[in-house]
């Protein structure tokens, strides 16, 4: 199975943001050694406990500390930015790290309403204009020419020998349809969606319109997973992430991902217990054999070309060990 990593750069209760970003780089290094195909880092704004607001900055840092793993954004929140500037940034990265750069494109706000307003006064208008912005960004990435005027072609310099690869990310029929219309690879957020993901992805494949510079339809299914030597250990590790999600959903400002002990001390009311079970249903939790079986089921459901895994634990060592156990079960078949 082809596996990749999605990292949200979470900050644990015993960490600073600096610590979390250094650990993000170390995770990319570990993923490379373990045989993961790509490492993407997410973009969030003013969300308590998530450290990465600028993937394009982190990717320069991560690229300099890795050698071959593909790296990219999961995702660039395009409505905030001019496509030309995004293309310049990722052309720079593709020039520095040839053949390794992906540009995941998303339309979500990735933060509070206040952060959205601070970033852009025209966010909703830009969301509406997303199809045109995608066209413009892809044109700049492939250097196929957008005219600054009738005489001059505008390039997003530096133009790399191997262009960054654009992907569209989403959790809905709308994002799948846009990816199909634009002939782009599609990453579906299984861990974030309550919709019928396999049906959405099937419609993407059926509607796919090949582009001159692209390949056929390609699908990554993104899954939240935590693996440990035993099911019980995995359940304990997952509790940190689950309780943290509930705290954030309640509008609390926790210091970060709680330790297992801190999570166990958190008293859930009836509504929160229901929420925990609902969140848990979207996760894949277990020992290596259980994880292998569940991920193979998801791969089959989506007919996915690749499974991308997001893992949140309190201790970085537990996170890396989870990715290691999954790699051993599914990449190396140990």
C-alpha atoms as a PDB file:
ATOM      1  CA  UNK A   1       0.000   0.000   0.000  1.00  0.00           C
ATOM      2  CA  UNK A   2       1.184   3.512  -0.795  1.00  0.00           C
ATOM      3  CA  UNK A   3       1.128   5.605   2.367  1.00  0.00           C
ATOM      4  CA  UNK A   4       1.686   9.300   3.084  1.00  0.00           C
ATOM      5  CA  UNK A   5       1.584  11.685   6.037  1.00  0.00           C
ATOM      6  CA  UNK A   6      -0.612  14.699   6.747  1.00  0.00           C
ATOM      7  CA  UNK A   7       0.681  16.778   9.648  1.00  0.00           C
ATOM      8  CA  UNK A   8      -1.339  19.498  11.365  1.00  0.00           C
ATOM      9  CA  UNK A   9       1.633  20.533  13.546  1.00  0.00           C
ATOM     10  CA  UNK A  10      -0.293  20.173  16.819  1.00  0.00           C
ATOM     11  CA  UNK A  11       1.174  21.651  19.994  1.00  0.00           C
ATOM     12  CA  UNK A  12       1.077  19.378  23.049  1.00  0.00           C
ATOM     13  CA  UNK A  13       0.431  20.657  26.560  1.00  0.00           C
ATOM     14  CA  UNK A  14       4.139  20.317  27.414  1.00  0.00           C
ATOM     15  CA  UNK A  15       5.374  22.039  24.232  1.00  0.00           C
ATOM     16  CA  UNK A  16       5.920  25.467  22.759  1.00  0.00           C
ATOM     17  CA  UNK A  17       5.040  26.231  19.139  1.00  0.00           C
ATOM     18  CA  UNK A  18       8.771  26.070  18.375  1.00  0.00           C
ATOM     19  CA  UNK A  19       8.909  22.563  19.818  1.00  0.00           C
ATOM     20  CA  UNK A  20       5.950  21.486  17.702  1.00  0.00           C
ATOM     21  CA  UNK A  21       7.458  22.825  14.481  1.00  0.00           C
ATOM     22  CA  UNK A  22      10.782  21.106  15.141  1.00  0.00           C
ATOM     23  CA  UNK A  23       8.883  17.874  15.770  1.00  0.00           C
ATOM     24  CA  UNK A  24       7.052  18.372  12.472  1.00  0.00           C
ATOM     25  CA  UNK A  25      10.399  18.380  10.696  1.00  0.00           C
ATOM     26  CA  UNK A  26      11.476  15.256  12.602  1.00  0.00           C
ATOM     27  CA  UNK A  27       8.250  13.524  11.587  1.00  0.00           C
ATOM     28  CA  UNK A  28       9.002  14.232   7.923  1.00  0.00           C
ATOM     29  CA  UNK A  29      12.475  12.775   8.410  1.00  0.00           C
ATOM     30  CA  UNK A  30      11.020   9.674  10.062  1.00  0.00           C
ATOM     31  CA  UNK A  31       8.429   9.312   7.301  1.00  0.00           C
ATOM     32  CA  UNK A  32      11.157   9.417   4.684  1.00  0.00           C
ATOM     33  CA  UNK A  33      13.126   6.644   6.422  1.00  0.00           C
ATOM     34  CA  UNK A  34       9.978   4.533   6.840  1.00  0.00           C
ATOM     35  CA  UNK A  35       9.037   4.682   3.151  1.00  0.00           C
ATOM     36  CA  UNK A  36       6.130   7.134   3.188  1.00  0.00           C
ATOM     37  CA  UNK A  37       5.662   8.719  -0.250  1.00  0.00           C
ATOM     38  CA  UNK A  38       4.829  12.272   0.760  1.00  0.00           C
ATOM     39  CA  UNK A  39       4.544  14.590   3.739  1.00  0.00           C
ATOM     40  CA  UNK A  40       2.021  17.418   3.689  1.00  0.00           C
ATOM     41  CA  UNK A  41       1.595  20.078   6.335  1.00  0.00           C
ATOM     42  CA  UNK A  42      -1.666  21.930   6.917  1.00  0.00           C
ATOM     43  CA  UNK A  43      -2.410  25.660   7.084  1.00  0.00           C
ATOM     44  CA  UNK A  44      -4.358  27.030  10.049  1.00  0.00           C
ATOM     45  CA  UNK A  45      -4.862  30.544  11.393  1.00  0.00           C
ATOM     46  CA  UNK A  46      -5.273  31.547  15.031  1.00  0.00           C
ATOM     47  CA  UNK A  47      -6.426  28.070  16.062  1.00  0.00           C
ATOM     48  CA  UNK A  48      -5.285  27.173  19.559  1.00  0.00           C
ATOM     49  CA  UNK A  49      -2.767  24.349  19.505  1.00  0.00           C
ATOM     50  CA  UNK A  50      -1.999  24.269  15.762  1.00  0.00           C
ATOM     51  CA  UNK A  51       1.387  25.785  15.002  1.00  0.00           C
ATOM     52  CA  UNK A  52       1.609  26.105  11.207  1.00  0.00           C
ATOM     53  CA  UNK A  53       0.111  29.214   9.625  1.00  0.00           C
ATOM     54  CA  UNK A  54       2.539  29.277   6.683  1.00  0.00           C
ATOM     55  CA  UNK A  55       3.222  25.906   5.013  1.00  0.00           C
ATOM     56  CA  UNK A  56       5.432  27.573   2.402  1.00  0.00           C
ATOM     57  CA  UNK A  57       7.845  28.585   5.177  1.00  0.00           C
ATOM     58  CA  UNK A  58       7.816  25.186   6.870  1.00  0.00           C
ATOM     59  CA  UNK A  59       8.404  23.376   3.593  1.00  0.00           C
ATOM     60  CA  UNK A  60      11.676  25.203   3.054  1.00  0.00           C
ATOM     61  CA  UNK A  61      12.776  24.071   6.510  1.00  0.00           C
ATOM     62  CA  UNK A  62      11.543  20.512   6.011  1.00  0.00           C
ATOM     63  CA  UNK A  63      12.949  20.229   2.498  1.00  0.00           C
ATOM     64  CA  UNK A  64      16.387  21.238   3.745  1.00  0.00           C
ATOM     65  CA  UNK A  65      16.299  18.445   6.339  1.00  0.00           C
ATOM     66  CA  UNK A  66      15.030  15.664   4.048  1.00  0.00           C
ATOM     67  CA  UNK A  67      16.245  14.209   0.776  1.00  0.00           C
ATOM     68  CA  UNK A  68      13.618  12.427  -1.317  1.00  0.00           C
ATOM     69  CA  UNK A  69      10.176  12.344   0.283  1.00  0.00           C
ATOM     70  CA  UNK A  70       7.667  14.515  -1.589  1.00  0.00           C
ATOM     71  CA  UNK A  71       6.598  17.522   0.479  1.00  0.00           C
ATOM     72  CA  UNK A  72       3.689  19.888   0.118  1.00  0.00           C
ATOM     73  CA  UNK A  73       0.840  21.870   1.583  1.00  0.00           C
ATOM     74  CA  UNK A  74      -2.315  20.205   2.746  1.00  0.00           C
ATOM     75  CA  UNK A  75      -3.580  22.740   1.843  1.00  0.00           C
ATOM     76  CA  UNK A  76      -2.855  26.227   0.601  1.00  0.00           C
ATOM     77  CA  UNK A  77      -6.091  28.071   1.422  1.00  0.00           C
ATOM     78  CA  UNK A  78      -6.273  29.689  -1.979  1.00  0.00           C
ATOM     79  CA  UNK A  79      -9.110  32.209  -1.427  1.00  0.00           C
ATOM     80  CA  UNK A  80      -6.769  34.209   0.807  1.00  0.00           C
ATOM     81  CA  UNK A  81      -4.069  34.642  -1.829  1.00  0.00           C
ATOM     82  CA  UNK A  82      -3.319  35.749  -5.352  1.00  0.00           C
ATOM     83  CA  UNK A  83      -2.535  32.666  -7.478  1.00  0.00           C
ATOM     84  CA  UNK A  84       0.560  34.376  -8.881  1.00  0.00           C
ATOM     85  CA  UNK A  85       2.143  34.723  -5.439  1.00  0.00           C
ATOM     86  CA  UNK A  86       1.331  31.115  -4.534  1.00  0.00           C
ATOM     87  CA  UNK A  87       2.913  29.990  -7.807  1.00  0.00           C
ATOM     88  CA  UNK A  88       6.052  32.019  -7.071  1.00  0.00           C
ATOM     89  CA  UNK A  89       6.364  30.423  -3.637  1.00  0.00           C
ATOM     90  CA  UNK A  90       5.938  26.867  -4.848  1.00  0.00           C
ATOM     91  CA  UNK A  91       8.086  27.435  -7.928  1.00  0.00           C
ATOM     92  CA  UNK A  92      10.801  28.548  -5.535  1.00  0.00           C
ATOM     93  CA  UNK A  93      10.371  25.355  -3.529  1.00  0.00           C
ATOM     94  CA  UNK A  94      10.302  23.226  -6.700  1.00  0.00           C
ATOM     95  CA  UNK A  95      13.507  24.908  -7.831  1.00  0.00           C
ATOM     96  CA  UNK A  96      15.203  24.207  -4.502  1.00  0.00           C
ATOM     97  CA  UNK A  97      13.850  20.656  -4.174  1.00  0.00           C
ATOM     98  CA  UNK A  98      13.378  19.308  -7.726  1.00  0.00           C
ATOM     99  CA  UNK A  99      10.722  16.683  -8.266  1.00  0.00           C
ATOM    100  CA  UNK A 100       9.510  16.777  -4.671  1.00  0.00           C
ATOM    101  CA  UNK A 101       6.886  19.531  -4.376  1.00  0.00           C
ATOM    102  CA  UNK A 102       3.097  19.202  -4.201  1.00  0.00           C
ATOM    103  CA  UNK A 103       0.626  22.068  -3.961  1.00  0.00           C
ATOM    104  CA  UNK A 104      -2.550  20.981  -2.204  1.00  0.00           C
ATOM    105  CA  UNK A 105      -5.300  23.525  -2.844  1.00  0.00           C
ATOM    106  CA  UNK A 106      -8.197  24.133  -0.462  1.00  0.00           C
ATOM    107  CA  UNK A 107     -10.978  26.650   0.004  1.00  0.00           C
ATOM    108  CA  UNK A 108     -11.713  26.357   3.747  1.00  0.00           C
ATOM    109  CA  UNK A 109     -11.097  29.351   6.030  1.00  0.00           C
ATOM    110  CA  UNK A 110      -8.823  27.342   8.334  1.00  0.00           C
ATOM    111  CA  UNK A 111      -9.493  29.562  11.332  1.00  0.00           C
ATOM    112  CA  UNK A 112     -11.863  31.896  13.114  1.00  0.00           C
ATOM    113  CA  UNK A 113     -14.062  34.505  11.447  1.00  0.00           C
ATOM    114  CA  UNK A 114     -11.798  37.171  12.932  1.00  0.00           C
ATOM    115  CA  UNK A 115      -8.718  35.564  11.383  1.00  0.00           C
ATOM    116  CA  UNK A 116     -10.500  35.277   8.048  1.00  0.00           C
ATOM    117  CA  UNK A 117     -11.340  38.982   8.077  1.00  0.00           C
ATOM    118  CA  UNK A 118      -7.785  39.865   9.055  1.00  0.00           C
ATOM    119  CA  UNK A 119      -6.404  37.844   6.140  1.00  0.00           C
ATOM    120  CA  UNK A 120      -8.871  38.942   3.483  1.00  0.00           C
ATOM    121  CA  UNK A 121     -11.741  41.376   3.157  1.00  0.00           C
ATOM    122  CA  UNK A 122     -13.032  39.466   0.116  1.00  0.00           C
ATOM    123  CA  UNK A 123     -12.815  35.839   1.274  1.00  0.00           C
ATOM    124  CA  UNK A 124     -16.363  34.837   0.281  1.00  0.00           C
ATOM    125  CA  UNK A 125     -16.011  36.495  -3.113  1.00  0.00           C
ATOM    126  CA  UNK A 126     -12.731  34.622  -3.613  1.00  0.00           C
ATOM    127  CA  UNK A 127     -14.396  31.326  -2.660  1.00  0.00           C
ATOM    128  CA  UNK A 128     -16.973  32.000  -5.371  1.00  0.00           C
ATOM    129  CA  UNK A 129     -14.116  32.726  -7.798  1.00  0.00           C
ATOM    130  CA  UNK A 130     -12.234  29.561  -6.828  1.00  0.00           C
ATOM    131  CA  UNK A 131     -12.512  27.802 -10.243  1.00  0.00           C
ATOM    132  CA  UNK A 132     -10.864  30.747 -11.998  1.00  0.00           C
ATOM    133  CA  UNK A 133      -8.186  31.000  -9.312  1.00  0.00           C
ATOM    134  CA  UNK A 134      -7.381  27.299  -9.726  1.00  0.00           C
ATOM    135  CA  UNK A 135      -7.027  27.773 -13.499  1.00  0.00           C
ATOM    136  CA  UNK A 136      -4.715  30.714 -12.962  1.00  0.00           C
ATOM    137  CA  UNK A 137      -2.546  28.911 -10.399  1.00  0.00           C
ATOM    138  CA  UNK A 138      -2.198  25.784 -12.543  1.00  0.00           C
ATOM    139  CA  UNK A 139      -1.274  27.905 -15.566  1.00  0.00           C
ATOM    140  CA  UNK A 140       1.487  29.626 -13.617  1.00  0.00           C
ATOM    141  CA  UNK A 141       2.777  26.338 -12.189  1.00  0.00           C
ATOM    142  CA  UNK A 142       3.013  24.824 -15.669  1.00  0.00           C
ATOM    143  CA  UNK A 143       4.257  28.113 -17.163  1.00  0.00           C
ATOM    144  CA  UNK A 144       1.793  27.850 -20.026  1.00  0.00           C
ATOM    145  CA  UNK A 145       1.348  31.565 -20.153  1.00  0.00           C
ATOM    146  CA  UNK A 146      -0.850  34.223 -18.704  1.00  0.00           C
ATOM    147  CA  UNK A 147      -0.498  37.505 -20.523  1.00  0.00           C
ATOM    148  CA  UNK A 148       0.307  40.550 -18.450  1.00  0.00           C
ATOM    149  CA  UNK A 149      -0.703  42.490 -21.551  1.00  0.00           C
ATOM    150  CA  UNK A 150      -1.070  41.677 -25.231  1.00  0.00           C
ATOM    151  CA  UNK A 151       2.705  41.589 -25.746  1.00  0.00           C
ATOM    152  CA  UNK A 152       4.189  40.128 -22.556  1.00  0.00           C
ATOM    153  CA  UNK A 153       3.769  36.657 -21.057  1.00  0.00           C
ATOM    154  CA  UNK A 154       3.980  36.630 -17.260  1.00  0.00           C
ATOM    155  CA  UNK A 155       5.949  33.848 -15.554  1.00  0.00           C
ATOM    156  CA  UNK A 156       6.059  33.013 -11.854  1.00  0.00           C
ATOM    157  CA  UNK A 157       9.822  33.082 -11.475  1.00  0.00           C
ATOM    158  CA  UNK A 158      11.869  31.091 -10.921  1.00  0.00           C
ATOM    159  CA  UNK A 159      10.373  28.525 -13.286  1.00  0.00           C
ATOM    160  CA  UNK A 160      11.554  25.075 -12.136  1.00  0.00           C
ATOM    161  CA  UNK A 161      12.596  22.269 -14.465  1.00  0.00           C
ATOM    162  CA  UNK A 162      10.071  19.986 -12.756  1.00  0.00           C
ATOM    163  CA  UNK A 163       6.841  21.805 -11.860  1.00  0.00           C
ATOM    164  CA  UNK A 164       5.135  21.429  -8.511  1.00  0.00           C
ATOM    165  CA  UNK A 165       2.155  19.077  -8.762  1.00  0.00           C
ATOM    166  CA  UNK A 166      -1.243  20.621  -7.967  1.00  0.00           C
ATOM    167  CA  UNK A 167      -3.855  18.675  -5.996  1.00  0.00           C
ATOM    168  CA  UNK A 168      -7.338  19.684  -4.958  1.00  0.00           C
ATOM    169  CA  UNK A 169      -8.342  18.850  -1.388  1.00  0.00           C
ATOM    170  CA  UNK A 170     -11.887  18.583  -0.129  1.00  0.00           C
ATOM    171  CA  UNK A 171     -14.661  16.776   1.709  1.00  0.00           C
ATOM    172  CA  UNK A 172     -17.666  17.366  -0.533  1.00  0.00           C
ATOM    173  CA  UNK A 173     -19.263  16.807  -3.923  1.00  0.00           C
ATOM    174  CA  UNK A 174     -18.404  20.380  -4.861  1.00  0.00           C
ATOM    175  CA  UNK A 175     -14.652  19.944  -4.376  1.00  0.00           C
ATOM    176  CA  UNK A 176     -14.702  16.583  -6.169  1.00  0.00           C
ATOM    177  CA  UNK A 177     -16.539  18.067  -9.134  1.00  0.00           C
ATOM    178  CA  UNK A 178     -14.079  20.958  -9.353  1.00  0.00           C
ATOM    179  CA  UNK A 179     -11.123  18.543  -9.261  1.00  0.00           C
ATOM    180  CA  UNK A 180     -12.738  16.468 -12.025  1.00  0.00           C
ATOM    181  CA  UNK A 181     -13.476  19.515 -14.201  1.00  0.00           C
ATOM    182  CA  UNK A 182      -9.919  20.809 -13.853  1.00  0.00           C
ATOM    183  CA  UNK A 183      -8.314  17.396 -14.385  1.00  0.00           C
ATOM    184  CA  UNK A 184      -6.551  17.525 -11.018  1.00  0.00           C
ATOM    185  CA  UNK A 185      -5.578  14.819  -8.563  1.00  0.00           C
ATOM    186  CA  UNK A 186      -7.981  14.750  -5.608  1.00  0.00           C
ATOM    187  CA  UNK A 187      -7.363  14.232  -1.893  1.00  0.00           C
ATOM    188  CA  UNK A 188     -10.546  13.429   0.021  1.00  0.00           C
ATOM    189  CA  UNK A 189     -10.614  14.159   3.767  1.00  0.00           C
ATOM    190  CA  UNK A 190     -12.269  10.954   4.995  1.00  0.00           C
ATOM    191  CA  UNK A 191     -11.437  11.912   8.587  1.00  0.00           C
ATOM    192  CA  UNK A 192     -13.263  15.249   8.278  1.00  0.00           C
ATOM    193  CA  UNK A 193     -16.343  14.338   6.276  1.00  0.00           C
ATOM    194  CA  UNK A 194     -19.765  13.037   7.304  1.00  0.00           C
ATOM    195  CA  UNK A 195     -20.779  12.554   3.678  1.00  0.00           C
ATOM    196  CA  UNK A 196     -20.663   9.407   1.525  1.00  0.00           C
ATOM    197  CA  UNK A 197     -16.987   9.652   0.637  1.00  0.00           C
ATOM    198  CA  UNK A 198     -16.735   6.625  -1.660  1.00  0.00           C
ATOM    199  CA  UNK A 199     -19.707   7.862  -3.742  1.00  0.00           C
ATOM    200  CA  UNK A 200     -18.156  11.334  -3.980  1.00  0.00           C
ATOM    201  CA  UNK A 201     -14.830   9.914  -5.118  1.00  0.00           C
ATOM    202  CA  UNK A 202     -16.523   7.611  -7.636  1.00  0.00           C
ATOM    203  CA  UNK A 203     -18.307  10.603  -9.140  1.00  0.00           C
ATOM    204  CA  UNK A 204     -14.937  12.378  -9.372  1.00  0.00           C
ATOM    205  CA  UNK A 205     -13.517   9.459 -11.357  1.00  0.00           C
ATOM    206  CA  UNK A 206     -16.552   9.290 -13.658  1.00  0.00           C
ATOM    207  CA  UNK A 207     -16.535  13.055 -14.315  1.00  0.00           C
ATOM    208  CA  UNK A 208     -12.768  13.450 -14.693  1.00  0.00           C
ATOM    209  CA  UNK A 209     -11.719  15.556 -17.691  1.00  0.00           C
ATOM    210  CA  UNK A 210      -8.062  14.893 -18.651  1.00  0.00           C
ATOM    211  CA  UNK A 211      -5.890  17.948 -19.222  1.00  0.00           C
ATOM    212  CA  UNK A 212      -3.036  18.242 -21.655  1.00  0.00           C
ATOM    213  CA  UNK A 213      -0.419  18.569 -18.917  1.00  0.00           C
ATOM    214  CA  UNK A 214      -1.977  16.055 -16.522  1.00  0.00           C
ATOM    215  CA  UNK A 215      -2.589  12.369 -15.973  1.00  0.00           C
ATOM    216  CA  UNK A 216      -5.776  10.442 -15.305  1.00  0.00           C
ATOM    217  CA  UNK A 217      -7.785  10.641 -12.072  1.00  0.00           C
ATOM    218  CA  UNK A 218      -5.784  10.076  -8.911  1.00  0.00           C
ATOM    219  CA  UNK A 219      -7.214   9.721  -5.407  1.00  0.00           C
ATOM    220  CA  UNK A 220      -5.745   9.998  -1.944  1.00  0.00           C
ATOM    221  CA  UNK A 221      -7.997   9.192   1.016  1.00  0.00           C
ATOM    222  CA  UNK A 222      -6.915  10.945   4.211  1.00  0.00           C
ATOM    223  CA  UNK A 223      -7.529   9.002   7.412  1.00  0.00           C
ATOM    224  CA  UNK A 224      -7.029   9.726  11.114  1.00  0.00           C
ATOM    225  CA  UNK A 225      -5.184   6.718  12.569  1.00  0.00           C
ATOM    226  CA  UNK A 226      -3.351   5.760  15.744  1.00  0.00           C
ATOM    227  CA  UNK A 227      -1.467   2.481  16.081  1.00  0.00           C
ATOM    228  CA  UNK A 228       0.302   0.899  19.052  1.00  0.00           C
ATOM    229  CA  UNK A 229       1.559  -2.552  19.981  1.00  0.00           C
ATOM    230  CA  UNK A 230      -1.784  -3.354  21.640  1.00  0.00           C
ATOM    231  CA  UNK A 231      -5.338  -2.167  21.105  1.00  0.00           C
ATOM    232  CA  UNK A 232      -5.476  -0.897  24.684  1.00  0.00           C
ATOM    233  CA  UNK A 233      -2.375   1.239  24.221  1.00  0.00           C
ATOM    234  CA  UNK A 234      -3.766   2.666  20.991  1.00  0.00           C
ATOM    235  CA  UNK A 235      -7.053   3.521  22.716  1.00  0.00           C
ATOM    236  CA  UNK A 236      -5.156   5.367  25.450  1.00  0.00           C
ATOM    237  CA  UNK A 237      -3.108   7.315  22.905  1.00  0.00           C
ATOM    238  CA  UNK A 238      -6.232   8.239  20.948  1.00  0.00           C
ATOM    239  CA  UNK A 239      -7.945   9.590  24.061  1.00  0.00           C
ATOM    240  CA  UNK A 240      -5.557  12.564  24.123  1.00  0.00           C
ATOM    241  CA  UNK A 241      -6.611  13.611  20.629  1.00  0.00           C
ATOM    242  CA  UNK A 242     -10.291  12.940  21.262  1.00  0.00           C
ATOM    243  CA  UNK A 243     -10.461  14.945  24.499  1.00  0.00           C
ATOM    244  CA  UNK A 244      -8.502  17.783  22.918  1.00  0.00           C
ATOM    245  CA  UNK A 245     -10.987  17.917  20.039  1.00  0.00           C
ATOM    246  CA  UNK A 246     -13.913  18.046  22.458  1.00  0.00           C
ATOM    247  CA  UNK A 247     -12.287  20.815  24.491  1.00  0.00           C
ATOM    248  CA  UNK A 248     -11.713  22.913  21.375  1.00  0.00           C
ATOM    249  CA  UNK A 249     -15.241  22.209  20.158  1.00  0.00           C
ATOM    250  CA  UNK A 250     -16.574  23.559  23.454  1.00  0.00           C
ATOM    251  CA  UNK A 251     -14.708  26.806  22.968  1.00  0.00           C
ATOM    252  CA  UNK A 252     -12.184  26.061  25.674  1.00  0.00           C
ATOM    253  CA  UNK A 253      -8.561  27.102  25.239  1.00  0.00           C
ATOM    254  CA  UNK A 254      -6.582  24.074  26.372  1.00  0.00           C
ATOM    255  CA  UNK A 255      -2.807  24.378  26.598  1.00  0.00           C
ATOM    256  CA  UNK A 256      -2.489  21.848  23.812  1.00  0.00           C
ATOM    257  CA  UNK A 257      -2.919  18.124  23.244  1.00  0.00           C
ATOM    258  CA  UNK A 258      -3.295  16.709  26.770  1.00  0.00           C
ATOM    259  CA  UNK A 259      -1.280  13.811  28.132  1.00  0.00           C
ATOM    260  CA  UNK A 260      -3.047  10.477  28.549  1.00  0.00           C
ATOM    261  CA  UNK A 261      -3.292  11.143  32.287  1.00  0.00           C
ATOM    262  CA  UNK A 262      -4.730  14.629  31.719  1.00  0.00           C
ATOM    263  CA  UNK A 263      -7.223  13.218  29.224  1.00  0.00           C
ATOM    264  CA  UNK A 264      -8.384  10.523  31.633  1.00  0.00           C
ATOM    265  CA  UNK A 265      -8.958  13.133  34.337  1.00  0.00           C
ATOM    266  CA  UNK A 266     -11.257  15.165  32.090  1.00  0.00           C
ATOM    267  CA  UNK A 267     -14.852  14.528  33.136  1.00  0.00           C
ATOM    268  CA  UNK A 268     -17.198  14.107  30.192  1.00  0.00           C
ATOM    269  CA  UNK A 269     -20.848  15.063  30.449  1.00  0.00           C
ATOM    270  CA  UNK A 270     -23.458  13.083  28.546  1.00  0.00           C
ATOM    271  CA  UNK A 271     -23.323  15.294  25.468  1.00  0.00           C
ATOM    272  CA  UNK A 272     -19.520  15.125  25.393  1.00  0.00           C
ATOM    273  CA  UNK A 273     -19.590  11.340  25.706  1.00  0.00           C
ATOM    274  CA  UNK A 274     -21.786  11.194  22.610  1.00  0.00           C
ATOM    275  CA  UNK A 275     -19.434  13.572  20.818  1.00  0.00           C
ATOM    276  CA  UNK A 276     -16.428  11.442  21.771  1.00  0.00           C
ATOM    277  CA  UNK A 277     -18.042   8.334  20.273  1.00  0.00           C
ATOM    278  CA  UNK A 278     -18.918  10.237  17.107  1.00  0.00           C
ATOM    279  CA  UNK A 279     -15.347  11.512  16.731  1.00  0.00           C
ATOM    280  CA  UNK A 280     -13.963   8.066  17.469  1.00  0.00           C
ATOM    281  CA  UNK A 281     -16.001   6.532  14.642  1.00  0.00           C
ATOM    282  CA  UNK A 282     -14.030   8.646  12.163  1.00  0.00           C
ATOM    283  CA  UNK A 283     -10.702   7.356  13.498  1.00  0.00           C
ATOM    284  CA  UNK A 284      -8.815   4.128  12.865  1.00  0.00           C
ATOM    285  CA  UNK A 285      -7.431   2.890  16.184  1.00  0.00           C
ATOM    286  CA  UNK A 286      -5.769  -0.394  17.014  1.00  0.00           C
ATOM    287  CA  UNK A 287      -2.790  -2.728  16.926  1.00  0.00           C
ATOM    288  CA  UNK A 288      -0.884  -3.287  13.652  1.00  0.00           C
ATOM    289  CA  UNK A 289      -3.063  -6.147  12.401  1.00  0.00           C
ATOM    290  CA  UNK A 290      -6.260  -4.219  13.167  1.00  0.00           C
ATOM    291  CA  UNK A 291      -4.956  -1.065  11.507  1.00  0.00           C
ATOM    292  CA  UNK A 292      -3.845  -3.046   8.450  1.00  0.00           C
ATOM    293  CA  UNK A 293      -7.291  -4.560   8.024  1.00  0.00           C
ATOM    294  CA  UNK A 294      -9.115  -1.245   8.514  1.00  0.00           C
ATOM    295  CA  UNK A 295      -6.865   0.722   6.150  1.00  0.00           C
ATOM    296  CA  UNK A 296      -7.149  -1.957   3.492  1.00  0.00           C
ATOM    297  CA  UNK A 297     -10.940  -1.690   3.806  1.00  0.00           C
ATOM    298  CA  UNK A 298     -10.778   2.090   3.331  1.00  0.00           C
ATOM    299  CA  UNK A 299      -8.393   1.707   0.379  1.00  0.00           C
ATOM    300  CA  UNK A 300     -10.847  -0.725  -1.215  1.00  0.00           C
ATOM    301  CA  UNK A 301     -13.894   1.462  -0.468  1.00  0.00           C
ATOM    302  CA  UNK A 302     -12.336   4.455  -2.201  1.00  0.00           C
ATOM    303  CA  UNK A 303     -10.297   2.520  -4.780  1.00  0.00           C
ATOM    304  CA  UNK A 304      -7.643   4.891  -3.485  1.00  0.00           C
ATOM    305  CA  UNK A 305      -4.244   5.202  -5.119  1.00  0.00           C
ATOM    306  CA  UNK A 306      -2.825   6.179  -1.760  1.00  0.00           C
ATOM    307  CA  UNK A 307      -3.777   6.488   1.905  1.00  0.00           C
ATOM    308  CA  UNK A 308      -2.655   9.604   3.759  1.00  0.00           C
ATOM    309  CA  UNK A 309      -2.544   9.348   7.545  1.00  0.00           C
ATOM    310  CA  UNK A 310      -2.935  12.080  10.137  1.00  0.00           C
ATOM    311  CA  UNK A 311      -1.937  11.124  13.680  1.00  0.00           C
ATOM    312  CA  UNK A 312      -2.166  13.282  16.806  1.00  0.00           C
ATOM    313  CA  UNK A 313      -0.650  12.092  20.073  1.00  0.00           C
ATOM    314  CA  UNK A 314       0.649  13.891  23.136  1.00  0.00           C
ATOM    315  CA  UNK A 315       4.218  12.576  22.835  1.00  0.00           C
ATOM    316  CA  UNK A 316       6.082  12.862  19.511  1.00  0.00           C
ATOM    317  CA  UNK A 317       7.693   9.455  20.109  1.00  0.00           C
ATOM    318  CA  UNK A 318       4.251   7.819  20.227  1.00  0.00           C
ATOM    319  CA  UNK A 319       3.312   9.481  16.954  1.00  0.00           C
ATOM    320  CA  UNK A 320       6.459   8.318  15.176  1.00  0.00           C
ATOM    321  CA  UNK A 321       6.039   4.828  16.622  1.00  0.00           C
ATOM    322  CA  UNK A 322       2.475   4.734  15.280  1.00  0.00           C
ATOM    323  CA  UNK A 323       3.683   5.618  11.786  1.00  0.00           C
ATOM    324  CA  UNK A 324       6.464   3.034  12.128  1.00  0.00           C
ATOM    325  CA  UNK A 325       4.074   0.226  13.080  1.00  0.00           C
ATOM    326  CA  UNK A 326       1.739   1.120  10.215  1.00  0.00           C
ATOM    327  CA  UNK A 327       4.633   1.221   7.755  1.00  0.00           C
ATOM    328  CA  UNK A 328       5.863  -2.167   8.929  1.00  0.00           C
ATOM    329  CA  UNK A 329       2.383  -3.637   8.507  1.00  0.00           C
ATOM    330  CA  UNK A 330       1.520  -2.121   5.142  1.00  0.00           C
ATOM    331  CA  UNK A 331       4.666  -0.939   3.348  1.00  0.00           C
ATOM    332  CA  UNK A 332       7.230  -3.487   4.478  1.00  0.00           C
ATOM    333  CA  UNK A 333       4.721  -6.262   5.300  1.00  0.00           C
ATOM    334  CA  UNK A 334       6.646  -7.373   8.345  1.00  0.00           C
END
